[in-house]
Amino acid sequence: MPIIKILPHPEYCPEGAEITAPAGTSICEALLDHKINIEHACDMSCACTTCHVVVREGFNSLNELDESEEDLLDRAWGLEPQSRLSCQAFLAQTDVTVEIPKYSINHAKEKH
């Protein structure tokens, strides 16, 4: 099973983590299964950008981006060439390293 290395994030994974998940699992599902509660406002239906991650290693091993994911990523904060929606990025047999961006476009989460 591939290993997902999650870089430290102050809210979701302060110490960072290494988890495993079967090939064919989305990065979002794998994180949630391991109690790393990444945002996913659209219930993983590719309708928002709250589950945006940056794949620091293993990007090319993931499935290809489709047009809807590309369109949504254009709206994500902190977009980088290795950005993916974690609900649409499915693991192959290769280990990956992901970074959860510090900021999200999820206005419902903002603390006023």
PDB file of N, CA and C in Angstrom:
ATOM      1  N   MET A   1       0.839  -1.189   0.000  1.00  0.00           N
ATOM      2  CA  MET A   1       0.000   0.000   0.000  1.00  0.00           C
ATOM      3  C   MET A   1       0.875   1.240   0.000  1.00  0.00           C
ATOM      4  N   PRO A   2       0.466   2.233  -0.774  1.00  0.00           N
ATOM      5  CA  PRO A   2       1.248   3.477  -0.786  1.00  0.00           C
ATOM      6  C   PRO A   2       1.142   4.221   0.545  1.00  0.00           C
ATOM      7  N   ILE A   3       2.192   4.952   0.843  1.00  0.00           N
ATOM      8  CA  ILE A   3       2.248   5.786   2.048  1.00  0.00           C
ATOM      9  C   ILE A   3       1.951   7.224   1.646  1.00  0.00           C
ATOM     10  N   ILE A   4       1.118   7.878   2.436  1.00  0.00           N
ATOM     11  CA  ILE A   4       0.869   9.304   2.265  1.00  0.00           C
ATOM     12  C   ILE A   4       1.552  10.006   3.431  1.00  0.00           C
ATOM     13  N   LYS A   5       2.511  10.837   3.110  1.00  0.00           N
ATOM     14  CA  LYS A   5       3.164  11.645   4.135  1.00  0.00           C
ATOM     15  C   LYS A   5       2.490  13.008   4.132  1.00  0.00           C
ATOM     16  N   ILE A   6       1.958  13.398   5.283  1.00  0.00           N
ATOM     17  CA  ILE A   6       1.294  14.691   5.410  1.00  0.00           C
ATOM     18  C   ILE A   6       2.230  15.621   6.151  1.00  0.00           C
ATOM     19  N   LEU A   7       2.561  16.725   5.519  1.00  0.00           N
ATOM     20  CA  LEU A   7       3.432  17.706   6.159  1.00  0.00           C
ATOM     21  C   LEU A   7       2.661  18.401   7.286  1.00  0.00           C
ATOM     22  N   PRO A   8       3.351  18.881   8.311  1.00  0.00           N
ATOM     23  CA  PRO A   8       2.648  19.518   9.433  1.00  0.00           C
ATOM     24  C   PRO A   8       1.749  20.667   8.999  1.00  0.00           C
ATOM     25  N   HIS A   9       0.580  20.702   9.590  1.00  0.00           N
ATOM     26  CA  HIS A   9      -0.398  21.777   9.394  1.00  0.00           C
ATOM     27  C   HIS A   9      -0.906  22.149  10.782  1.00  0.00           C
ATOM     28  N   PRO A  10      -0.907  23.445  11.139  1.00  0.00           N
ATOM     29  CA  PRO A  10      -1.223  23.838  12.511  1.00  0.00           C
ATOM     30  C   PRO A  10      -2.591  23.369  13.020  1.00  0.00           C
ATOM     31  N   GLU A  11      -3.548  23.206  12.144  1.00  0.00           N
ATOM     32  CA  GLU A  11      -4.894  22.827  12.592  1.00  0.00           C
ATOM     33  C   GLU A  11      -5.201  21.350  12.380  1.00  0.00           C
ATOM     34  N   TYR A  12      -4.917  20.814  11.204  1.00  0.00           N
ATOM     35  CA  TYR A  12      -5.354  19.470  10.851  1.00  0.00           C
ATOM     36  C   TYR A  12      -4.380  18.371  11.244  1.00  0.00           C
ATOM     37  N   CYS A  13      -3.096  18.701  11.292  1.00  0.00           N
ATOM     38  CA  CYS A  13      -2.097  17.663  11.528  1.00  0.00           C
ATOM     39  C   CYS A  13      -0.818  18.319  12.055  1.00  0.00           C
ATOM     40  N   PRO A  14      -0.851  18.850  13.291  1.00  0.00           N
ATOM     41  CA  PRO A  14       0.262  19.659  13.803  1.00  0.00           C
ATOM     42  C   PRO A  14       1.628  18.967  13.773  1.00  0.00           C
ATOM     43  N   GLU A  15       1.661  17.685  13.966  1.00  0.00           N
ATOM     44  CA  GLU A  15       2.929  16.955  13.993  1.00  0.00           C
ATOM     45  C   GLU A  15       3.297  16.358  12.639  1.00  0.00           C
ATOM     46  N   GLY A  16       2.406  16.500  11.666  1.00  0.00           N
ATOM     47  CA  GLY A  16       2.604  15.780  10.418  1.00  0.00           C
ATOM     48  C   GLY A  16       2.215  14.328  10.655  1.00  0.00           C
ATOM     49  N   ALA A  17       2.181  13.526   9.613  1.00  0.00           N
ATOM     50  CA  ALA A  17       1.798  12.118   9.784  1.00  0.00           C
ATOM     51  C   ALA A  17       2.212  11.320   8.558  1.00  0.00           C
ATOM     52  N   GLU A  18       2.257  10.022   8.743  1.00  0.00           N
ATOM     53  CA  GLU A  18       2.421   9.083   7.637  1.00  0.00           C
ATOM     54  C   GLU A  18       1.332   8.049   7.787  1.00  0.00           C
ATOM     55  N   ILE A  19       0.539   7.882   6.737  1.00  0.00           N
ATOM     56  CA  ILE A  19      -0.564   6.938   6.752  1.00  0.00           C
ATOM     57  C   ILE A  19      -0.481   6.075   5.495  1.00  0.00           C
ATOM     58  N   THR A  20      -1.197   4.975   5.497  1.00  0.00           N
ATOM     59  CA  THR A  20      -1.266   4.119   4.314  1.00  0.00           C
ATOM     60  C   THR A  20      -2.709   4.013   3.869  1.00  0.00           C
ATOM     61  N   ALA A  21      -2.885   3.756   2.586  1.00  0.00           N
ATOM     62  CA  ALA A  21      -4.216   3.561   2.020  1.00  0.00           C
ATOM     63  C   ALA A  21      -4.068   2.721   0.754  1.00  0.00           C
ATOM     64  N   PRO A  22      -5.071   1.952   0.437  1.00  0.00           N
ATOM     65  CA  PRO A  22      -4.993   1.142  -0.779  1.00  0.00           C
ATOM     66  C   PRO A  22      -4.972   2.006  -2.040  1.00  0.00           C
ATOM     67  N   ALA A  23      -4.295   1.510  -3.050  1.00  0.00           N
ATOM     68  CA  ALA A  23      -4.338   2.170  -4.357  1.00  0.00           C
ATOM     69  C   ALA A  23      -5.798   2.280  -4.781  1.00  0.00           C
ATOM     70  N   GLY A  24      -6.146   3.398  -5.434  1.00  0.00           N
ATOM     71  CA  GLY A  24      -7.517   3.633  -5.849  1.00  0.00           C
ATOM     72  C   GLY A  24      -8.312   4.472  -4.862  1.00  0.00           C
ATOM     73  N   THR A  25      -7.732   4.727  -3.689  1.00  0.00           N
ATOM     74  CA  THR A  25      -8.367   5.561  -2.675  1.00  0.00           C
ATOM     75  C   THR A  25      -8.017   7.013  -2.949  1.00  0.00           C
ATOM     76  N   SER A  26      -8.962   7.915  -2.745  1.00  0.00           N
ATOM     77  CA  SER A  26      -8.644   9.336  -2.903  1.00  0.00           C
ATOM     78  C   SER A  26      -7.835   9.797  -1.692  1.00  0.00           C
ATOM     79  N   ILE A  27      -7.021  10.800  -1.894  1.00  0.00           N
ATOM     80  CA  ILE A  27      -6.236  11.353  -0.788  1.00  0.00           C
ATOM     81  C   ILE A  27      -7.182  11.841   0.312  1.00  0.00           C
ATOM     82  N   CYS A  28      -8.274  12.473  -0.061  1.00  0.00           N
ATOM     83  CA  CYS A  28      -9.240  12.975   0.924  1.00  0.00           C
ATOM     84  C   CYS A  28      -9.797  11.834   1.771  1.00  0.00           C
ATOM     85  N   GLU A  29     -10.240  10.758   1.133  1.00  0.00           N
ATOM     86  CA  GLU A  29     -10.778   9.606   1.872  1.00  0.00           C
ATOM     87  C   GLU A  29      -9.739   9.037   2.831  1.00  0.00           C
ATOM     88  N   ALA A  30      -8.506   8.926   2.350  1.00  0.00           N
ATOM     89  CA  ALA A  30      -7.445   8.369   3.189  1.00  0.00           C
ATOM     90  C   ALA A  30      -7.205   9.235   4.420  1.00  0.00           C
ATOM     91  N   LEU A  31      -7.156  10.559   4.223  1.00  0.00           N
ATOM     92  CA  LEU A  31      -6.949  11.460   5.350  1.00  0.00           C
ATOM     93  C   LEU A  31      -8.087  11.333   6.355  1.00  0.00           C
ATOM     94  N   LEU A  32      -9.312  11.367   5.865  1.00  0.00           N
ATOM     95  CA  LEU A  32     -10.473  11.260   6.760  1.00  0.00           C
ATOM     96  C   LEU A  32     -10.509   9.926   7.491  1.00  0.00           C
ATOM     97  N   ASP A  33     -10.161   8.843   6.798  1.00  0.00           N
ATOM     98  CA  ASP A  33     -10.131   7.513   7.430  1.00  0.00           C
ATOM     99  C   ASP A  33      -9.127   7.442   8.574  1.00  0.00           C
ATOM    100  N   HIS A  34      -8.108   8.308   8.517  1.00  0.00           N
ATOM    101  CA  HIS A  34      -7.079   8.322   9.562  1.00  0.00           C
ATOM    102  C   HIS A  34      -7.244   9.505  10.516  1.00  0.00           C
ATOM    103  N   LYS A  35      -8.467  10.023  10.587  1.00  0.00           N
ATOM    104  CA  LYS A  35      -8.824  11.094  11.539  1.00  0.00           C
ATOM    105  C   LYS A  35      -8.088  12.410  11.301  1.00  0.00           C
ATOM    106  N   ILE A  36      -7.645  12.638  10.061  1.00  0.00           N
ATOM    107  CA  ILE A  36      -7.095  13.937   9.669  1.00  0.00           C
ATOM    108  C   ILE A  36      -8.249  14.633   8.948  1.00  0.00           C
ATOM    109  N   ASN A  37      -8.965  15.460   9.677  1.00  0.00           N
ATOM    110  CA  ASN A  37     -10.254  15.983   9.227  1.00  0.00           C
ATOM    111  C   ASN A  37     -10.132  17.187   8.310  1.00  0.00           C
ATOM    112  N   ILE A  38      -9.567  16.938   7.145  1.00  0.00           N
ATOM    113  CA  ILE A  38      -9.444  17.973   6.116  1.00  0.00           C
ATOM    114  C   ILE A  38     -10.848  18.434   5.714  1.00  0.00           C
ATOM    115  N   GLU A  39     -10.950  19.703   5.346  1.00  0.00           N
ATOM    116  CA  GLU A  39     -12.238  20.226   4.893  1.00  0.00           C
ATOM    117  C   GLU A  39     -12.655  19.535   3.597  1.00  0.00           C
ATOM    118  N   HIS A  40     -13.941  19.345   3.463  1.00  0.00           N
ATOM    119  CA  HIS A  40     -14.518  18.784   2.231  1.00  0.00           C
ATOM    120  C   HIS A  40     -15.988  19.189   2.173  1.00  0.00           C
ATOM    121  N   ALA A  41     -16.204  20.470   1.920  1.00  0.00           N
ATOM    122  CA  ALA A  41     -17.535  21.076   2.023  1.00  0.00           C
ATOM    123  C   ALA A  41     -18.563  20.490   1.061  1.00  0.00           C
ATOM    124  N   CYS A  42     -18.129  19.896  -0.040  1.00  0.00           N
ATOM    125  CA  CYS A  42     -19.098  19.377  -1.020  1.00  0.00           C
ATOM    126  C   CYS A  42     -19.251  17.866  -0.908  1.00  0.00           C
ATOM    127  N   ASP A  43     -18.812  17.292   0.190  1.00  0.00           N
ATOM    128  CA  ASP A  43     -18.872  15.836   0.390  1.00  0.00           C
ATOM    129  C   ASP A  43     -18.174  15.066  -0.728  1.00  0.00           C
ATOM    130  N   MET A  44     -17.048  15.592  -1.150  1.00  0.00           N
ATOM    131  CA  MET A  44     -16.165  14.931  -2.117  1.00  0.00           C
ATOM    132  C   MET A  44     -16.812  14.729  -3.486  1.00  0.00           C
ATOM    133  N   SER A  45     -17.611  15.705  -3.933  1.00  0.00           N
ATOM    134  CA  SER A  45     -18.288  15.569  -5.222  1.00  0.00           C
ATOM    135  C   SER A  45     -17.676  16.456  -6.309  1.00  0.00           C
ATOM    136  N   CYS A  46     -16.500  17.019  -6.053  1.00  0.00           N
ATOM    137  CA  CYS A  46     -15.808  17.877  -7.019  1.00  0.00           C
ATOM    138  C   CYS A  46     -16.641  19.107  -7.350  1.00  0.00           C
ATOM    139  N   ALA A  47     -17.163  19.756  -6.282  1.00  0.00           N
ATOM    140  CA  ALA A  47     -17.982  20.948  -6.483  1.00  0.00           C
ATOM    141  C   ALA A  47     -17.433  22.160  -5.734  1.00  0.00           C
ATOM    142  N   CYS A  48     -16.277  22.014  -5.070  1.00  0.00           N
ATOM    143  CA  CYS A  48     -15.688  23.139  -4.344  1.00  0.00           C
ATOM    144  C   CYS A  48     -14.170  22.950  -4.304  1.00  0.00           C
ATOM    145  N   THR A  49     -13.478  23.824  -3.589  1.00  0.00           N
ATOM    146  CA  THR A  49     -12.015  23.710  -3.511  1.00  0.00           C
ATOM    147  C   THR A  49     -11.514  23.541  -2.079  1.00  0.00           C
ATOM    148  N   THR A  50     -12.391  23.228  -1.138  1.00  0.00           N
ATOM    149  CA  THR A  50     -11.977  23.195   0.268  1.00  0.00           C
ATOM    150  C   THR A  50     -11.001  22.067   0.583  1.00  0.00           C
ATOM    151  N   CYS A  51     -10.954  21.028  -0.228  1.00  0.00           N
ATOM    152  CA  CYS A  51     -10.034  19.911   0.033  1.00  0.00           C
ATOM    153  C   CYS A  51      -8.732  20.033  -0.767  1.00  0.00           C
ATOM    154  N   HIS A  52      -8.437  21.233  -1.235  1.00  0.00           N
ATOM    155  CA  HIS A  52      -7.225  21.502  -2.011  1.00  0.00           C
ATOM    156  C   HIS A  52      -5.981  21.105  -1.224  1.00  0.00           C
ATOM    157  N   VAL A  53      -5.085  20.365  -1.866  1.00  0.00           N
ATOM    158  CA  VAL A  53      -3.778  20.028  -1.299  1.00  0.00           C
ATOM    159  C   VAL A  53      -2.716  20.279  -2.363  1.00  0.00           C
ATOM    160  N   VAL A  54      -1.468  20.388  -1.908  1.00  0.00           N
ATOM    161  CA  VAL A  54      -0.341  20.490  -2.825  1.00  0.00           C
ATOM    162  C   VAL A  54       0.440  19.195  -2.682  1.00  0.00           C
ATOM    163  N   VAL A  55       0.626  18.494  -3.792  1.00  0.00           N
ATOM    164  CA  VAL A  55       1.322  17.210  -3.780  1.00  0.00           C
ATOM    165  C   VAL A  55       2.802  17.494  -4.007  1.00  0.00           C
ATOM    166  N   ARG A  56       3.579  17.442  -2.937  1.00  0.00           N
ATOM    167  CA  ARG A  56       5.005  17.779  -2.998  1.00  0.00           C
ATOM    168  C   ARG A  56       5.847  16.665  -3.603  1.00  0.00           C
ATOM    169  N   GLU A  57       5.437  15.423  -3.433  1.00  0.00           N
ATOM    170  CA  GLU A  57       6.142  14.286  -4.042  1.00  0.00           C
ATOM    171  C   GLU A  57       5.107  13.275  -4.507  1.00  0.00           C
ATOM    172  N   GLY A  58       5.343  12.670  -5.662  1.00  0.00           N
ATOM    173  CA  GLY A  58       4.454  11.647  -6.185  1.00  0.00           C
ATOM    174  C   GLY A  58       3.311  12.172  -7.040  1.00  0.00           C
ATOM    175  N   PHE A  59       3.367  13.438  -7.407  1.00  0.00           N
ATOM    176  CA  PHE A  59       2.287  14.063  -8.179  1.00  0.00           C
ATOM    177  C   PHE A  59       1.970  13.281  -9.458  1.00  0.00           C
ATOM    178  N   ASN A  60       2.994  12.889 -10.184  1.00  0.00           N
ATOM    179  CA  ASN A  60       2.787  12.231 -11.482  1.00  0.00           C
ATOM    180  C   ASN A  60       2.229  10.817 -11.368  1.00  0.00           C
ATOM    181  N   SER A  61       2.225  10.248 -10.162  1.00  0.00           N
ATOM    182  CA  SER A  61       1.669   8.910  -9.990  1.00  0.00           C
ATOM    183  C   SER A  61       0.148   8.933  -9.847  1.00  0.00           C
ATOM    184  N   LEU A  62      -0.423  10.099  -9.568  1.00  0.00           N
ATOM    185  CA  LEU A  62      -1.870  10.213  -9.377  1.00  0.00           C
ATOM    186  C   LEU A  62      -2.582  10.202 -10.719  1.00  0.00           C
ATOM    187  N   ASN A  63      -3.878   9.932 -10.686  1.00  0.00           N
ATOM    188  CA  ASN A  63      -4.686   9.989 -11.903  1.00  0.00           C
ATOM    189  C   ASN A  63      -4.621  11.393 -12.509  1.00  0.00           C
ATOM    190  N   GLU A  64      -4.935  11.498 -13.778  1.00  0.00           N
ATOM    191  CA  GLU A  64      -4.894  12.793 -14.457  1.00  0.00           C
ATOM    192  C   GLU A  64      -6.044  13.682 -14.000  1.00  0.00           C
ATOM    193  N   LEU A  65      -5.794  14.989 -14.020  1.00  0.00           N
ATOM    194  CA  LEU A  65      -6.847  15.957 -13.712  1.00  0.00           C
ATOM    195  C   LEU A  65      -7.862  15.958 -14.836  1.00  0.00           C
ATOM    196  N   ASP A  66      -9.134  16.071 -14.480  1.00  0.00           N
ATOM    197  CA  ASP A  66     -10.129  16.256 -15.533  1.00  0.00           C
ATOM    198  C   ASP A  66     -10.491  17.740 -15.608  1.00  0.00           C
ATOM    199  N   GLU A  67     -11.295  18.079 -16.583  1.00  0.00           N
ATOM    200  CA  GLU A  67     -11.602  19.483 -16.837  1.00  0.00           C
ATOM    201  C   GLU A  67     -12.298  20.155 -15.655  1.00  0.00           C
ATOM    202  N   SER A  68     -13.243  19.438 -14.986  1.00  0.00           N
ATOM    203  CA  SER A  68     -13.940  20.075 -13.854  1.00  0.00           C
ATOM    204  C   SER A  68     -12.999  20.368 -12.706  1.00  0.00           C
ATOM    205  N   GLU A  69     -12.062  19.457 -12.434  1.00  0.00           N
ATOM    206  CA  GLU A  69     -11.101  19.712 -11.366  1.00  0.00           C
ATOM    207  C   GLU A  69     -10.202  20.898 -11.723  1.00  0.00           C
ATOM    208  N   GLU A  70      -9.753  20.956 -12.964  1.00  0.00           N
ATOM    209  CA  GLU A  70      -8.920  22.084 -13.398  1.00  0.00           C
ATOM    210  C   GLU A  70      -9.654  23.407 -13.239  1.00  0.00           C
ATOM    211  N   ASP A  71     -10.932  23.433 -13.626  1.00  0.00           N
ATOM    212  CA  ASP A  71     -11.730  24.660 -13.504  1.00  0.00           C
ATOM    213  C   ASP A  71     -11.869  25.087 -12.046  1.00  0.00           C
ATOM    214  N   LEU A  72     -12.124  24.146 -11.166  1.00  0.00           N
ATOM    215  CA  LEU A  72     -12.266  24.471  -9.748  1.00  0.00           C
ATOM    216  C   LEU A  72     -10.939  24.917  -9.145  1.00  0.00           C
ATOM    217  N   LEU A  73      -9.861  24.260  -9.519  1.00  0.00           N
ATOM    218  CA  LEU A  73      -8.560  24.634  -8.962  1.00  0.00           C
ATOM    219  C   LEU A  73      -8.195  26.080  -9.298  1.00  0.00           C
ATOM    220  N   ASP A  74      -8.702  26.582 -10.399  1.00  0.00           N
ATOM    221  CA  ASP A  74      -8.441  27.976 -10.751  1.00  0.00           C
ATOM    222  C   ASP A  74      -8.960  28.937  -9.678  1.00  0.00           C
ATOM    223  N   ARG A  75      -9.895  28.479  -8.851  1.00  0.00           N
ATOM    224  CA  ARG A  75     -10.471  29.313  -7.789  1.00  0.00           C
ATOM    225  C   ARG A  75      -9.823  29.090  -6.421  1.00  0.00           C
ATOM    226  N   ALA A  76      -8.962  28.105  -6.313  1.00  0.00           N
ATOM    227  CA  ALA A  76      -8.360  27.776  -5.011  1.00  0.00           C
ATOM    228  C   ALA A  76      -7.336  28.826  -4.601  1.00  0.00           C
ATOM    229  N   TRP A  77      -7.248  29.083  -3.310  1.00  0.00           N
ATOM    230  CA  TRP A  77      -6.236  29.986  -2.782  1.00  0.00           C
ATOM    231  C   TRP A  77      -4.910  29.245  -2.697  1.00  0.00           C
ATOM    232  N   GLY A  78      -3.847  29.914  -3.063  1.00  0.00           N
ATOM    233  CA  GLY A  78      -2.517  29.313  -2.967  1.00  0.00           C
ATOM    234  C   GLY A  78      -2.257  28.247  -4.015  1.00  0.00           C
ATOM    235  N   LEU A  79      -2.883  28.383  -5.163  1.00  0.00           N
ATOM    236  CA  LEU A  79      -2.727  27.408  -6.239  1.00  0.00           C
ATOM    237  C   LEU A  79      -1.265  27.298  -6.670  1.00  0.00           C
ATOM    238  N   GLU A  80      -0.808  26.072  -6.844  1.00  0.00           N
ATOM    239  CA  GLU A  80       0.548  25.784  -7.319  1.00  0.00           C
ATOM    240  C   GLU A  80       0.451  24.767  -8.452  1.00  0.00           C
ATOM    241  N   PRO A  81       1.508  24.589  -9.231  1.00  0.00           N
ATOM    242  CA  PRO A  81       1.452  23.618 -10.325  1.00  0.00           C
ATOM    243  C   PRO A  81       1.148  22.187  -9.853  1.00  0.00           C
ATOM    244  N   GLN A  82       1.477  21.865  -8.594  1.00  0.00           N
ATOM    245  CA  GLN A  82       1.226  20.521  -8.063  1.00  0.00           C
ATOM    246  C   GLN A  82      -0.040  20.464  -7.211  1.00  0.00           C
ATOM    247  N   SER A  83      -0.943  21.430  -7.377  1.00  0.00           N
ATOM    248  CA  SER A  83      -2.199  21.443  -6.619  1.00  0.00           C
ATOM    249  C   SER A  83      -3.163  20.403  -7.168  1.00  0.00           C
ATOM    250  N   ARG A  84      -3.912  19.805  -6.248  1.00  0.00           N
ATOM    251  CA  ARG A  84      -4.991  18.875  -6.600  1.00  0.00           C
ATOM    252  C   ARG A  84      -6.127  19.055  -5.616  1.00  0.00           C
ATOM    253  N   LEU A  85      -7.323  18.679  -6.027  1.00  0.00           N
ATOM    254  CA  LEU A  85      -8.417  18.522  -5.088  1.00  0.00           C
ATOM    255  C   LEU A  85      -8.243  17.116  -4.524  1.00  0.00           C
ATOM    256  N   SER A  86      -8.092  17.016  -3.228  1.00  0.00           N
ATOM    257  CA  SER A  86      -7.767  15.706  -2.653  1.00  0.00           C
ATOM    258  C   SER A  86      -8.884  14.688  -2.867  1.00  0.00           C
ATOM    259  N   CYS A  87     -10.121  15.150  -3.088  1.00  0.00           N
ATOM    260  CA  CYS A  87     -11.220  14.211  -3.344  1.00  0.00           C
ATOM    261  C   CYS A  87     -11.161  13.632  -4.751  1.00  0.00           C
ATOM    262  N   GLN A  88     -10.363  14.232  -5.622  1.00  0.00           N
ATOM    263  CA  GLN A  88     -10.256  13.788  -7.013  1.00  0.00           C
ATOM    264  C   GLN A  88      -8.893  13.177  -7.336  1.00  0.00           C
ATOM    265  N   ALA A  89      -7.977  13.187  -6.365  1.00  0.00           N
ATOM    266  CA  ALA A  89      -6.623  12.663  -6.558  1.00  0.00           C
ATOM    267  C   ALA A  89      -6.559  11.246  -5.993  1.00  0.00           C
ATOM    268  N   PHE A  90      -6.494  10.259  -6.886  1.00  0.00           N
ATOM    269  CA  PHE A  90      -6.525   8.864  -6.479  1.00  0.00           C
ATOM    270  C   PHE A  90      -5.129   8.253  -6.493  1.00  0.00           C
ATOM    271  N   LEU A  91      -4.841   7.517  -5.431  1.00  0.00           N
ATOM    272  CA  LEU A  91      -3.519   6.917  -5.254  1.00  0.00           C
ATOM    273  C   LEU A  91      -3.279   5.786  -6.231  1.00  0.00           C
ATOM    274  N   ALA A  92      -2.024   5.665  -6.655  1.00  0.00           N
ATOM    275  CA  ALA A  92      -1.562   4.505  -7.408  1.00  0.00           C
ATOM    276  C   ALA A  92      -0.729   3.673  -6.422  1.00  0.00           C
ATOM    277  N   GLN A  93       0.355   3.086  -6.875  1.00  0.00           N
ATOM    278  CA  GLN A  93       1.205   2.287  -5.988  1.00  0.00           C
ATOM    279  C   GLN A  93       2.390   3.081  -5.446  1.00  0.00           C
ATOM    280  N   THR A  94       2.456   4.372  -5.735  1.00  0.00           N
ATOM    281  CA  THR A  94       3.590   5.213  -5.371  1.00  0.00           C
ATOM    282  C   THR A  94       3.278   6.037  -4.137  1.00  0.00           C
ATOM    283  N   ASP A  95       4.256   6.198  -3.257  1.00  0.00           N
ATOM    284  CA  ASP A  95       4.104   7.048  -2.078  1.00  0.00           C
ATOM    285  C   ASP A  95       3.968   8.504  -2.516  1.00  0.00           C
ATOM    286  N   VAL A  96       3.224   9.285  -1.731  1.00  0.00           N
ATOM    287  CA  VAL A  96       3.060  10.705  -2.018  1.00  0.00           C
ATOM    288  C   VAL A  96       3.276  11.515  -0.744  1.00  0.00           C
ATOM    289  N   THR A  97       3.681  12.760  -0.932  1.00  0.00           N
ATOM    290  CA  THR A  97       3.803  13.721   0.164  1.00  0.00           C
ATOM    291  C   THR A  97       2.878  14.868  -0.148  1.00  0.00           C
ATOM    292  N   VAL A  98       2.007  15.216   0.814  1.00  0.00           N
ATOM    293  CA  VAL A  98       1.049  16.294   0.584  1.00  0.00           C
ATOM    294  C   VAL A  98       1.167  17.372   1.644  1.00  0.00           C
ATOM    295  N   GLU A  99       0.860  18.569   1.215  1.00  0.00           N
ATOM    296  CA  GLU A  99       0.795  19.716   2.105  1.00  0.00           C
ATOM    297  C   GLU A  99      -0.628  20.265   2.038  1.00  0.00           C
ATOM    298  N   ILE A 100      -1.234  20.441   3.201  1.00  0.00           N
ATOM    299  CA  ILE A 100      -2.555  21.057   3.268  1.00  0.00           C
ATOM    300  C   ILE A 100      -2.326  22.558   3.381  1.00  0.00           C
ATOM    301  N   PRO A 101      -2.835  23.338   2.424  1.00  0.00           N
ATOM    302  CA  PRO A 101      -2.610  24.783   2.493  1.00  0.00           C
ATOM    303  C   PRO A 101      -3.165  25.390   3.784  1.00  0.00           C
ATOM    304  N   LYS A 102      -2.536  26.453   4.213  1.00  0.00           N
ATOM    305  CA  LYS A 102      -2.933  27.113   5.457  1.00  0.00           C
ATOM    306  C   LYS A 102      -4.306  27.761   5.336  1.00  0.00           C
ATOM    307  N   TYR A 103      -4.644  28.285   4.157  1.00  0.00           N
ATOM    308  CA  TYR A 103      -5.898  29.007   3.976  1.00  0.00           C
ATOM    309  C   TYR A 103      -6.803  28.275   3.004  1.00  0.00           C
ATOM    310  N   SER A 104      -8.090  28.445   3.216  1.00  0.00           N
ATOM    311  CA  SER A 104      -9.107  27.815   2.386  1.00  0.00           C
ATOM    312  C   SER A 104     -10.116  28.872   1.948  1.00  0.00           C
ATOM    313  N   ILE A 105     -10.827  28.561   0.903  1.00  0.00           N
ATOM    314  CA  ILE A 105     -11.863  29.465   0.413  1.00  0.00           C
ATOM    315  C   ILE A 105     -13.204  29.196   1.104  1.00  0.00           C
ATOM    316  N   ASN A 106     -13.237  28.318   2.085  1.00  0.00           N
ATOM    317  CA  ASN A 106     -14.467  27.941   2.773  1.00  0.00           C
ATOM    318  C   ASN A 106     -14.912  29.054   3.721  1.00  0.00           C
ATOM    319  N   HIS A 107     -15.813  29.902   3.262  1.00  0.00           N
ATOM    320  CA  HIS A 107     -16.294  31.031   4.061  1.00  0.00           C
ATOM    321  C   HIS A 107     -17.135  30.570   5.252  1.00  0.00           C
ATOM    322  N   ALA A 108     -17.761  29.419   5.154  1.00  0.00           N
ATOM    323  CA  ALA A 108     -18.585  28.927   6.257  1.00  0.00           C
ATOM    324  C   ALA A 108     -17.751  28.607   7.480  1.00  0.00           C
ATOM    325  N   LYS A 109     -16.477  28.357   7.281  1.00  0.00           N
ATOM    326  CA  LYS A 109     -15.588  27.992   8.376  1.00  0.00           C
ATOM    327  C   LYS A 109     -15.046  29.212   9.113  1.00  0.00           C
ATOM    328  N   GLU A 110     -15.066  30.362   8.486  1.00  0.00           N
ATOM    329  CA  GLU A 110     -14.473  31.545   9.090  1.00  0.00           C
ATOM    330  C   GLU A 110     -15.095  31.841  10.446  1.00  0.00           C
ATOM    331  N   LYS A 111     -14.261  32.190  11.396  1.00  0.00           N
ATOM    332  CA  LYS A 111     -14.725  32.493  12.744  1.00  0.00           C
ATOM    333  C   LYS A 111     -14.905  33.998  12.873  1.00  0.00           C
ATOM    334  N   HIS A 112     -16.148  34.438  12.963  1.00  0.00           N
ATOM    335  CA  HIS A 112     -16.440  35.866  13.068  1.00  0.00           C
ATOM    336  C   HIS A 112     -16.799  36.212  14.494  1.00  0.00           C
TER     337      HIS A 112
END
